[in-house]
């Protein structure tokens, strides 16, 4: 298993996704991101006084909650954890009601906790598979 993502932060322009200046579109509901790739919440040892990683960059642009990973994850674990995460987060939702019952995004950390517990219960799951998943923000 090899996970790589290269970001040259000197070339990445971080701007707020909450409003698109070109189209005038507002993205007020963009408050939660689930990053199921490897090391999306890991900083760079070369610049230890900086706390910028992909998850922090998204928080900087306006997201209030991010699920990320601190190191490599098993290829099958990303979909398992994200599936269980969203299953828990949307368990009480009903888009057909008026007004629609939407997920409570303040429960994202709880949903991640439940998803990680589900992964931990799989036979033979070492801590290295479930520990990398973290929640940043609210």
Foldseek 3Di string as FASTA:
>chain_A
DDFDDDDDVVPDDQAAPQADPVVRDGDVVQAEEEDLGFQQQADDPVCVVDRDGNQVSNVVNPHQKYKDFRGHADPVLSVQLVVQLVCVQCVPWDVPDVNTRHGDCVCSQVSSVRSLVVQVPPPPDDVVHRVGIDMDGD
